[in-house]
PDB file of N, CA and C in Angstrom:
ATOM      1  N   UNK A   1     -13.233  11.245 -14.491  1.00  0.00           N
ATOM      2  CA  UNK A   1     -12.118  10.434 -14.114  1.00  0.00           C
ATOM      3  C   UNK A   1     -12.487   8.950 -14.349  1.00  0.00           C
ATOM      4  N   UNK A   2     -11.613   8.210 -15.043  1.00  0.00           N
ATOM      5  CA  UNK A   2     -11.908   6.819 -15.345  1.00  0.00           C
ATOM      6  C   UNK A   2     -11.590   5.954 -14.124  1.00  0.00           C
ATOM      7  N   UNK A   3     -12.125   4.752 -14.136  1.00  0.00           N
ATOM      8  CA  UNK A   3     -11.956   3.857 -13.013  1.00  0.00           C
ATOM      9  C   UNK A   3     -10.499   3.475 -12.804  1.00  0.00           C
ATOM     10  N   UNK A   4      -9.745   3.321 -13.933  1.00  0.00           N
ATOM     11  CA  UNK A   4      -8.351   2.912 -13.741  1.00  0.00           C
ATOM     12  C   UNK A   4      -7.527   4.019 -13.112  1.00  0.00           C
ATOM     13  N   UNK A   5      -7.791   5.273 -13.542  1.00  0.00           N
ATOM     14  CA  UNK A   5      -7.080   6.403 -12.894  1.00  0.00           C
ATOM     15  C   UNK A   5      -7.467   6.494 -11.436  1.00  0.00           C
ATOM     16  N   UNK A   6      -8.681   6.203 -11.088  1.00  0.00           N
ATOM     17  CA  UNK A   6      -9.145   6.201  -9.704  1.00  0.00           C
ATOM     18  C   UNK A   6      -8.383   5.176  -8.885  1.00  0.00           C
ATOM     19  N   UNK A   7      -8.149   4.009  -9.509  1.00  0.00           N
ATOM     20  CA  UNK A   7      -7.392   2.956  -8.804  1.00  0.00           C
ATOM     21  C   UNK A   7      -5.952   3.411  -8.510  1.00  0.00           C
ATOM     22  N   UNK A   8      -5.369   4.174  -9.458  1.00  0.00           N
ATOM     23  CA  UNK A   8      -4.006   4.685  -9.248  1.00  0.00           C
ATOM     24  C   UNK A   8      -4.028   5.784  -8.159  1.00  0.00           C
ATOM     25  N   UNK A   9      -5.121   6.441  -7.954  1.00  0.00           N
ATOM     26  CA  UNK A   9      -5.222   7.471  -6.878  1.00  0.00           C
ATOM     27  C   UNK A   9      -5.285   6.783  -5.531  1.00  0.00           C
ATOM     28  N   UNK A  10      -5.833   5.597  -5.423  1.00  0.00           N
ATOM     29  CA  UNK A  10      -5.949   4.856  -4.177  1.00  0.00           C
ATOM     30  C   UNK A  10      -4.598   4.159  -3.846  1.00  0.00           C
ATOM     31  N   UNK A  11      -4.023   3.442  -4.759  1.00  0.00           N
ATOM     32  CA  UNK A  11      -2.771   2.729  -4.514  1.00  0.00           C
ATOM     33  C   UNK A  11      -1.623   3.647  -4.949  1.00  0.00           C
ATOM     34  N   UNK A  12      -0.851   4.137  -4.022  1.00  0.00           N
ATOM     35  CA  UNK A  12       0.167   5.110  -4.303  1.00  0.00           C
ATOM     36  C   UNK A  12       1.520   4.448  -4.702  1.00  0.00           C
ATOM     37  N   UNK A  13       2.135   3.671  -3.796  1.00  0.00           N
ATOM     38  CA  UNK A  13       3.406   3.049  -4.119  1.00  0.00           C
ATOM     39  C   UNK A  13       3.510   1.713  -3.341  1.00  0.00           C
ATOM     40  N   UNK A  14       4.297   0.767  -3.848  1.00  0.00           N
ATOM     41  CA  UNK A  14       4.600  -0.412  -3.019  1.00  0.00           C
ATOM     42  C   UNK A  14       5.693  -0.017  -2.021  1.00  0.00           C
ATOM     43  N   UNK A  15       5.643  -0.651  -0.878  1.00  0.00           N
ATOM     44  CA  UNK A  15       6.654  -0.427   0.146  1.00  0.00           C
ATOM     45  C   UNK A  15       7.628  -1.571   0.074  1.00  0.00           C
ATOM     46  N   UNK A  16       8.880  -1.255  -0.242  1.00  0.00           N
ATOM     47  CA  UNK A  16       9.900  -2.275  -0.406  1.00  0.00           C
ATOM     48  C   UNK A  16      10.919  -2.137   0.706  1.00  0.00           C
ATOM     49  N   UNK A  17      10.789  -2.926   1.731  1.00  0.00           N
ATOM     50  CA  UNK A  17      11.702  -2.985   2.850  1.00  0.00           C
ATOM     51  C   UNK A  17      12.078  -4.447   3.058  1.00  0.00           C
ATOM     52  N   UNK A  18      12.999  -4.680   3.964  1.00  0.00           N
ATOM     53  CA  UNK A  18      13.399  -6.055   4.263  1.00  0.00           C
ATOM     54  C   UNK A  18      12.227  -6.866   4.837  1.00  0.00           C
ATOM     55  N   UNK A  19      11.495  -6.223   5.723  1.00  0.00           N
ATOM     56  CA  UNK A  19      10.368  -6.886   6.369  1.00  0.00           C
ATOM     57  C   UNK A  19       9.256  -7.231   5.347  1.00  0.00           C
ATOM     58  N   UNK A  20       8.934  -6.271   4.485  1.00  0.00           N
ATOM     59  CA  UNK A  20       7.888  -6.528   3.493  1.00  0.00           C
ATOM     60  C   UNK A  20       8.327  -7.542   2.446  1.00  0.00           C
ATOM     61  N   UNK A  21       9.614  -7.582   2.156  1.00  0.00           N
ATOM     62  CA  UNK A  21      10.119  -8.579   1.204  1.00  0.00           C
ATOM     63  C   UNK A  21      10.024  -9.975   1.805  1.00  0.00           C
ATOM     64  N   UNK A  22      10.300 -10.111   3.098  1.00  0.00           N
ATOM     65  CA  UNK A  22      10.163 -11.407   3.755  1.00  0.00           C
ATOM     66  C   UNK A  22       8.716 -11.867   3.809  1.00  0.00           C
ATOM     67  N   UNK A  23       7.787 -10.908   3.900  1.00  0.00           N
ATOM     68  CA  UNK A  23       6.360 -11.262   3.957  1.00  0.00           C
ATOM     69  C   UNK A  23       5.842 -11.769   2.608  1.00  0.00           C
ATOM     70  N   UNK A  24       6.583 -11.507   1.511  1.00  0.00           N
ATOM     71  CA  UNK A  24       6.119 -11.947   0.210  1.00  0.00           C
ATOM     72  C   UNK A  24       6.102 -13.476   0.134  1.00  0.00           C
ATOM     73  N   UNK A  25       6.884 -14.154   0.944  1.00  0.00           N
ATOM     74  CA  UNK A  25       6.868 -15.617   0.961  1.00  0.00           C
ATOM     75  C   UNK A  25       5.555 -16.130   1.567  1.00  0.00           C
ATOM     76  N   UNK A  26       4.840 -15.278   2.293  1.00  0.00           N
ATOM     77  CA  UNK A  26       3.530 -15.641   2.863  1.00  0.00           C
ATOM     78  C   UNK A  26       2.383 -15.111   2.011  1.00  0.00           C
ATOM     79  N   UNK A  27       2.678 -14.718   0.766  1.00  0.00           N
ATOM     80  CA  UNK A  27       1.664 -14.126  -0.135  1.00  0.00           C
ATOM     81  C   UNK A  27       1.119 -12.815   0.401  1.00  0.00           C
ATOM     82  N   UNK A  28       1.958 -12.022   1.069  1.00  0.00           N
ATOM     83  CA  UNK A  28       1.534 -10.709   1.584  1.00  0.00           C
ATOM     84  C   UNK A  28       2.391  -9.639   0.920  1.00  0.00           C
ATOM     85  N   UNK A  29       1.730  -8.585   0.508  1.00  0.00           N
ATOM     86  CA  UNK A  29       2.389  -7.459  -0.172  1.00  0.00           C
ATOM     87  C   UNK A  29       1.971  -6.180   0.503  1.00  0.00           C
ATOM     88  N   UNK A  30       2.876  -5.247   0.618  1.00  0.00           N
ATOM     89  CA  UNK A  30       2.613  -3.981   1.342  1.00  0.00           C
ATOM     90  C   UNK A  30       2.607  -2.817   0.361  1.00  0.00           C
ATOM     91  N   UNK A  31       1.586  -1.960   0.498  1.00  0.00           N
ATOM     92  CA  UNK A  31       1.440  -0.761  -0.346  1.00  0.00           C
ATOM     93  C   UNK A  31       1.169   0.456   0.524  1.00  0.00           C
ATOM     94  N   UNK A  32       1.663   1.591   0.062  1.00  0.00           N
ATOM     95  CA  UNK A  32       1.279   2.880   0.634  1.00  0.00           C
ATOM     96  C   UNK A  32       0.000   3.275  -0.089  1.00  0.00           C
ATOM     97  N   UNK A  33      -1.051   3.629   0.624  1.00  0.00           N
ATOM     98  CA  UNK A  33      -2.354   3.944   0.033  1.00  0.00           C
ATOM     99  C   UNK A  33      -2.833   5.316   0.500  1.00  0.00           C
ATOM    100  N   UNK A  34      -3.898   5.796  -0.161  1.00  0.00           N
ATOM    101  CA  UNK A  34      -4.470   7.079   0.219  1.00  0.00           C
ATOM    102  C   UNK A  34      -5.006   7.047   1.633  1.00  0.00           C
ATOM    103  N   UNK A  35      -4.905   8.155   2.336  1.00  0.00           N
ATOM    104  CA  UNK A  35      -5.371   8.206   3.735  1.00  0.00           C
ATOM    105  C   UNK A  35      -6.860   7.983   3.870  1.00  0.00           C
ATOM    106  N   UNK A  36      -7.633   8.342   2.833  1.00  0.00           N
ATOM    107  CA  UNK A  36      -9.066   8.234   2.901  1.00  0.00           C
ATOM    108  C   UNK A  36      -9.612   6.921   2.350  1.00  0.00           C
ATOM    109  N   UNK A  37      -8.738   6.035   1.895  1.00  0.00           N
ATOM    110  CA  UNK A  37      -9.148   4.777   1.251  1.00  0.00           C
ATOM    111  C   UNK A  37      -9.704   3.774   2.295  1.00  0.00           C
ATOM    112  N   UNK A  38     -10.813   3.143   1.973  1.00  0.00           N
ATOM    113  CA  UNK A  38     -11.363   2.080   2.790  1.00  0.00           C
ATOM    114  C   UNK A  38     -10.811   0.749   2.334  1.00  0.00           C
ATOM    115  N   UNK A  39     -11.054  -0.295   3.121  1.00  0.00           N
ATOM    116  CA  UNK A  39     -10.552  -1.634   2.743  1.00  0.00           C
ATOM    117  C   UNK A  39     -11.243  -2.115   1.433  1.00  0.00           C
ATOM    118  N   UNK A  40     -12.493  -1.838   1.292  1.00  0.00           N
ATOM    119  CA  UNK A  40     -13.203  -2.242   0.058  1.00  0.00           C
ATOM    120  C   UNK A  40     -12.638  -1.562  -1.164  1.00  0.00           C
ATOM    121  N   UNK A  41     -12.350  -0.252  -1.061  1.00  0.00           N
ATOM    122  CA  UNK A  41     -11.739   0.490  -2.166  1.00  0.00           C
ATOM    123  C   UNK A  41     -10.364  -0.045  -2.512  1.00  0.00           C
ATOM    124  N   UNK A  42      -9.574  -0.364  -1.492  1.00  0.00           N
ATOM    125  CA  UNK A  42      -8.225  -0.890  -1.713  1.00  0.00           C
ATOM    126  C   UNK A  42      -8.309  -2.220  -2.414  1.00  0.00           C
ATOM    127  N   UNK A  43      -9.234  -3.083  -1.973  1.00  0.00           N
ATOM    128  CA  UNK A  43      -9.394  -4.403  -2.577  1.00  0.00           C
ATOM    129  C   UNK A  43      -9.780  -4.279  -4.049  1.00  0.00           C
ATOM    130  N   UNK A  44     -10.747  -3.419  -4.365  1.00  0.00           N
ATOM    131  CA  UNK A  44     -11.172  -3.243  -5.777  1.00  0.00           C
ATOM    132  C   UNK A  44     -10.007  -2.743  -6.639  1.00  0.00           C
ATOM    133  N   UNK A  45      -9.245  -1.803  -6.090  1.00  0.00           N
ATOM    134  CA  UNK A  45      -8.142  -1.213  -6.854  1.00  0.00           C
ATOM    135  C   UNK A  45      -7.040  -2.238  -7.115  1.00  0.00           C
ATOM    136  N   UNK A  46      -6.669  -3.032  -6.137  1.00  0.00           N
ATOM    137  CA  UNK A  46      -5.642  -4.046  -6.302  1.00  0.00           C
ATOM    138  C   UNK A  46      -6.076  -5.090  -7.314  1.00  0.00           C
ATOM    139  N   UNK A  47      -7.332  -5.536  -7.187  1.00  0.00           N
ATOM    140  CA  UNK A  47      -7.832  -6.564  -8.132  1.00  0.00           C
ATOM    141  C   UNK A  47      -7.920  -6.003  -9.545  1.00  0.00           C
ATOM    142  N   UNK A  48      -8.243  -4.737  -9.701  1.00  0.00           N
ATOM    143  CA  UNK A  48      -8.346  -4.138 -11.022  1.00  0.00           C
ATOM    144  C   UNK A  48      -6.972  -3.919 -11.667  1.00  0.00           C
ATOM    145  N   UNK A  49      -6.009  -3.406 -10.866  1.00  0.00           N
ATOM    146  CA  UNK A  49      -4.683  -3.090 -11.427  1.00  0.00           C
ATOM    147  C   UNK A  49      -3.859  -4.336 -11.703  1.00  0.00           C
ATOM    148  N   UNK A  50      -3.872  -5.304 -10.788  1.00  0.00           N
ATOM    149  CA  UNK A  50      -2.941  -6.430 -10.889  1.00  0.00           C
ATOM    150  C   UNK A  50      -3.628  -7.747 -11.292  1.00  0.00           C
ATOM    151  N   UNK A  51      -4.987  -7.784 -11.366  1.00  0.00           N
ATOM    152  CA  UNK A  51      -5.738  -8.947 -11.772  1.00  0.00           C
ATOM    153  C   UNK A  51      -5.388 -10.167 -10.929  1.00  0.00           C
ATOM    154  N   UNK A  52      -5.495  -9.992  -9.583  1.00  0.00           N
ATOM    155  CA  UNK A  52      -5.269 -11.053  -8.609  1.00  0.00           C
ATOM    156  C   UNK A  52      -6.489 -11.076  -7.668  1.00  0.00           C
ATOM    157  N   UNK A  53      -6.597 -12.151  -6.889  1.00  0.00           N
ATOM    158  CA  UNK A  53      -7.669 -12.291  -5.904  1.00  0.00           C
ATOM    159  C   UNK A  53      -7.126 -11.939  -4.526  1.00  0.00           C
ATOM    160  N   UNK A  54      -7.765 -10.941  -3.879  1.00  0.00           N
ATOM    161  CA  UNK A  54      -7.358 -10.519  -2.539  1.00  0.00           C
ATOM    162  C   UNK A  54      -8.183 -11.249  -1.501  1.00  0.00           C
ATOM    163  N   UNK A  55      -7.513 -11.859  -0.547  1.00  0.00           N
ATOM    164  CA  UNK A  55      -8.233 -12.561   0.533  1.00  0.00           C
ATOM    165  C   UNK A  55      -8.481 -11.672   1.727  1.00  0.00           C
ATOM    166  N   UNK A  56      -7.428 -10.920   2.127  1.00  0.00           N
ATOM    167  CA  UNK A  56      -7.505 -10.133   3.387  1.00  0.00           C
ATOM    168  C   UNK A  56      -6.687  -8.886   3.229  1.00  0.00           C
ATOM    169  N   UNK A  57      -7.158  -7.805   3.933  1.00  0.00           N
ATOM    170  CA  UNK A  57      -6.399  -6.549   3.922  1.00  0.00           C
ATOM    171  C   UNK A  57      -6.287  -6.048   5.364  1.00  0.00           C
ATOM    172  N   UNK A  58      -5.077  -5.717   5.794  1.00  0.00           N
ATOM    173  CA  UNK A  58      -4.842  -5.063   7.051  1.00  0.00           C
ATOM    174  C   UNK A  58      -4.342  -3.675   6.772  1.00  0.00           C
ATOM    175  N   UNK A  59      -4.870  -2.686   7.444  1.00  0.00           N
ATOM    176  CA  UNK A  59      -4.419  -1.298   7.226  1.00  0.00           C
ATOM    177  C   UNK A  59      -3.805  -0.751   8.494  1.00  0.00           C
ATOM    178  N   UNK A  60      -2.835   0.116   8.316  1.00  0.00           N
ATOM    179  CA  UNK A  60      -2.083   0.736   9.427  1.00  0.00           C
ATOM    180  C   UNK A  60      -1.977   2.230   9.144  1.00  0.00           C
ATOM    181  N   UNK A  61      -2.357   3.067  10.061  1.00  0.00           N
ATOM    182  CA  UNK A  61      -2.179   4.523   9.932  1.00  0.00           C
ATOM    183  C   UNK A  61      -0.894   4.944  10.674  1.00  0.00           C
ATOM    184  N   UNK A  62       0.061   5.455   9.938  1.00  0.00           N
ATOM    185  CA  UNK A  62       1.263   5.997  10.551  1.00  0.00           C
ATOM    186  C   UNK A  62       0.971   7.466  10.867  1.00  0.00           C
ATOM    187  N   UNK A  63       1.156   7.870  12.103  1.00  0.00           N
ATOM    188  CA  UNK A  63       0.852   9.215  12.554  1.00  0.00           C
ATOM    189  C   UNK A  63       1.880  10.230  12.050  1.00  0.00           C
ATOM    190  N   UNK A  64       1.453  11.498  12.064  1.00  0.00           N
ATOM    191  CA  UNK A  64       2.381  12.589  11.784  1.00  0.00           C
ATOM    192  C   UNK A  64       3.469  12.627  12.851  1.00  0.00           C
ATOM    193  N   UNK A  65       4.699  12.991  12.464  1.00  0.00           N
ATOM    194  CA  UNK A  65       5.800  13.097  13.416  1.00  0.00           C
ATOM    195  C   UNK A  65       6.441  14.445  13.292  1.00  0.00           C
ATOM    196  N   UNK A  66       7.030  14.878  14.388  1.00  0.00           N
ATOM    197  CA  UNK A  66       7.787  16.143  14.389  1.00  0.00           C
ATOM    198  C   UNK A  66       9.254  15.811  14.550  1.00  0.00           C
ATOM    199  N   UNK A  67      10.080  16.476  13.713  1.00  0.00           N
ATOM    200  CA  UNK A  67      11.512  16.279  13.751  1.00  0.00           C
ATOM    201  C   UNK A  67      12.177  17.657  13.842  1.00  0.00           C
ATOM    202  N   UNK A  68      13.417  17.640  14.286  1.00  0.00           N
ATOM    203  CA  UNK A  68      14.187  18.870  14.304  1.00  0.00           C
ATOM    204  C   UNK A  68      15.142  18.838  13.126  1.00  0.00           C
ATOM    205  N   UNK A  69      14.926  19.785  12.191  1.00  0.00           N
ATOM    206  CA  UNK A  69      15.722  19.840  10.978  1.00  0.00           C
ATOM    207  C   UNK A  69      16.411  21.202  10.947  1.00  0.00           C
ATOM    208  N   UNK A  70      17.739  21.170  10.944  1.00  0.00           N
ATOM    209  CA  UNK A  70      18.539  22.408  10.918  1.00  0.00           C
ATOM    210  C   UNK A  70      18.140  23.353  12.025  1.00  0.00           C
ATOM    211  N   UNK A  71      17.843  22.806  13.198  1.00  0.00           N
ATOM    212  CA  UNK A  71      17.531  23.598  14.365  1.00  0.00           C
ATOM    213  C   UNK A  71      16.116  24.077  14.428  1.00  0.00           C
ATOM    214  N   UNK A  72      15.266  23.688  13.514  1.00  0.00           N
ATOM    215  CA  UNK A  72      13.849  24.123  13.505  1.00  0.00           C
ATOM    216  C   UNK A  72      12.951  22.915  13.561  1.00  0.00           C
ATOM    217  N   UNK A  73      11.802  23.076  14.129  1.00  0.00           N
ATOM    218  CA  UNK A  73      10.821  22.014  14.236  1.00  0.00           C
ATOM    219  C   UNK A  73      10.113  21.821  12.905  1.00  0.00           C
ATOM    220  N   UNK A  74      10.106  20.612  12.371  1.00  0.00           N
ATOM    221  CA  UNK A  74       9.460  20.333  11.094  1.00  0.00           C
ATOM    222  C   UNK A  74       8.511  19.172  11.248  1.00  0.00           C
ATOM    223  N   UNK A  75       7.455  19.175  10.445  1.00  0.00           N
ATOM    224  CA  UNK A  75       6.454  18.092  10.529  1.00  0.00           C
ATOM    225  C   UNK A  75       6.629  17.127   9.392  1.00  0.00           C
ATOM    226  N   UNK A  76       6.692  15.855   9.718  1.00  0.00           N
ATOM    227  CA  UNK A  76       6.740  14.835   8.692  1.00  0.00           C
ATOM    228  C   UNK A  76       5.351  14.201   8.615  1.00  0.00           C
ATOM    229  N   UNK A  77       4.720  14.303   7.445  1.00  0.00           N
ATOM    230  CA  UNK A  77       3.355  13.866   7.379  1.00  0.00           C
ATOM    231  C   UNK A  77       3.229  12.365   7.467  1.00  0.00           C
ATOM    232  N   UNK A  78       2.120  11.935   8.001  1.00  0.00           N
ATOM    233  CA  UNK A  78       1.835  10.489   8.146  1.00  0.00           C
ATOM    234  C   UNK A  78       1.297   9.918   6.867  1.00  0.00           C
ATOM    235  N   UNK A  79       1.074   8.620   6.886  1.00  0.00           N
ATOM    236  CA  UNK A  79       0.555   7.917   5.726  1.00  0.00           C
ATOM    237  C   UNK A  79      -0.200   6.693   6.177  1.00  0.00           C
ATOM    238  N   UNK A  80      -0.870   6.069   5.235  1.00  0.00           N
ATOM    239  CA  UNK A  80      -1.614   4.833   5.512  1.00  0.00           C
ATOM    240  C   UNK A  80      -0.998   3.712   4.671  1.00  0.00           C
ATOM    241  N   UNK A  81      -0.774   2.580   5.291  1.00  0.00           N
ATOM    242  CA  UNK A  81      -0.259   1.466   4.515  1.00  0.00           C
ATOM    243  C   UNK A  81      -1.213   0.270   4.625  1.00  0.00           C
ATOM    244  N   UNK A  82      -1.227  -0.530   3.590  1.00  0.00           N
ATOM    245  CA  UNK A  82      -2.102  -1.687   3.552  1.00  0.00           C
ATOM    246  C   UNK A  82      -1.249  -2.948   3.290  1.00  0.00           C
ATOM    247  N   UNK A  83      -1.492  -3.965   4.115  1.00  0.00           N
ATOM    248  CA  UNK A  83      -0.853  -5.257   3.921  1.00  0.00           C
ATOM    249  C   UNK A  83      -1.895  -6.173   3.298  1.00  0.00           C
ATOM    250  N   UNK A  84      -1.639  -6.611   2.055  1.00  0.00           N
ATOM    251  CA  UNK A  84      -2.627  -7.361   1.285  1.00  0.00           C
ATOM    252  C   UNK A  84      -2.192  -8.814   1.251  1.00  0.00           C
ATOM    253  N   UNK A  85      -3.118  -9.713   1.576  1.00  0.00           N
ATOM    254  CA  UNK A  85      -2.889 -11.138   1.491  1.00  0.00           C
ATOM    255  C   UNK A  85      -3.559 -11.652   0.211  1.00  0.00           C
ATOM    256  N   UNK A  86      -2.771 -12.292  -0.633  1.00  0.00           N
ATOM    257  CA  UNK A  86      -3.264 -12.791  -1.894  1.00  0.00           C
ATOM    258  C   UNK A  86      -3.650 -14.263  -1.816  1.00  0.00           C
ATOM    259  N   UNK A  87      -4.458 -14.702  -2.772  1.00  0.00           N
ATOM    260  CA  UNK A  87      -4.845 -16.099  -2.841  1.00  0.00           C
ATOM    261  C   UNK A  87      -3.607 -16.955  -3.122  1.00  0.00           C
ATOM    262  N   UNK A  88      -3.586 -18.151  -2.565  1.00  0.00           N
ATOM    263  CA  UNK A  88      -2.463 -19.079  -2.708  1.00  0.00           C
ATOM    264  C   UNK A  88      -2.122 -19.301  -4.185  1.00  0.00           C
ATOM    265  N   UNK A  89      -0.857 -19.160  -4.498  1.00  0.00           N
ATOM    266  CA  UNK A  89      -0.387 -19.394  -5.860  1.00  0.00           C
ATOM    267  C   UNK A  89      -0.355 -18.144  -6.743  1.00  0.00           C
ATOM    268  N   UNK A  90      -0.847 -17.022  -6.260  1.00  0.00           N
ATOM    269  CA  UNK A  90      -0.835 -15.767  -7.010  1.00  0.00           C
ATOM    270  C   UNK A  90       0.229 -14.845  -6.452  1.00  0.00           C
ATOM    271  N   UNK A  91       0.746 -13.972  -7.304  1.00  0.00           N
ATOM    272  CA  UNK A  91       1.769 -13.041  -6.866  1.00  0.00           C
ATOM    273  C   UNK A  91       1.710 -11.757  -7.691  1.00  0.00           C
ATOM    274  N   UNK A  92       2.320 -10.720  -7.188  1.00  0.00           N
ATOM    275  CA  UNK A  92       2.425  -9.454  -7.898  1.00  0.00           C
ATOM    276  C   UNK A  92       3.917  -9.135  -8.079  1.00  0.00           C
ATOM    277  N   UNK A  93       4.287  -8.754  -9.299  1.00  0.00           N
ATOM    278  CA  UNK A  93       5.674  -8.390  -9.560  1.00  0.00           C
ATOM    279  C   UNK A  93       5.888  -6.928  -9.204  1.00  0.00           C
ATOM    280  N   UNK A  94       6.454  -6.677  -8.043  1.00  0.00           N
ATOM    281  CA  UNK A  94       6.635  -5.332  -7.544  1.00  0.00           C
ATOM    282  C   UNK A  94       7.722  -4.602  -8.304  1.00  0.00           C
ATOM    283  N   UNK A  95       8.679  -5.308  -8.872  1.00  0.00           N
ATOM    284  CA  UNK A  95       9.751  -4.696  -9.610  1.00  0.00           C
ATOM    285  C   UNK A  95       9.230  -3.956 -10.831  1.00  0.00           C
ATOM    286  N   UNK A  96       8.026  -4.329 -11.327  1.00  0.00           N
ATOM    287  CA  UNK A  96       7.466  -3.653 -12.497  1.00  0.00           C
ATOM    288  C   UNK A  96       6.960  -2.279 -12.131  1.00  0.00           C
ATOM    289  N   UNK A  97       6.596  -2.067 -10.860  1.00  0.00           N
ATOM    290  CA  UNK A  97       6.124  -0.763 -10.378  1.00  0.00           C
ATOM    291  C   UNK A  97       4.653  -0.586 -10.591  1.00  0.00           C
ATOM    292  N   UNK A  98       4.172   0.529 -10.071  1.00  0.00           N
ATOM    293  CA  UNK A  98       2.725   0.834 -10.154  1.00  0.00           C
ATOM    294  C   UNK A  98       2.482   1.723 -11.340  1.00  0.00           C
TER     295      UNK A  98
END
């Protein structure tokens, strides 16, 4: 497995919500990442894929949830998201996709 493919395994998708769009004015971008990814791996992957300098990374683990779907109990799997702070003056074009 090449290093670039490994970076794509770590960074899954950008999270595009109203809150994350407002954070882009503060040089912060939100991504859904692999559950097993560490902050160091996330930083290396972002810097390799987008060629930007990462200052800080905050990670959040969203827990599994149970919902009732059509009268039966169903499990909605959790995920891990990373909020990445970029160096001043740099940005990532999220509309281009991962």
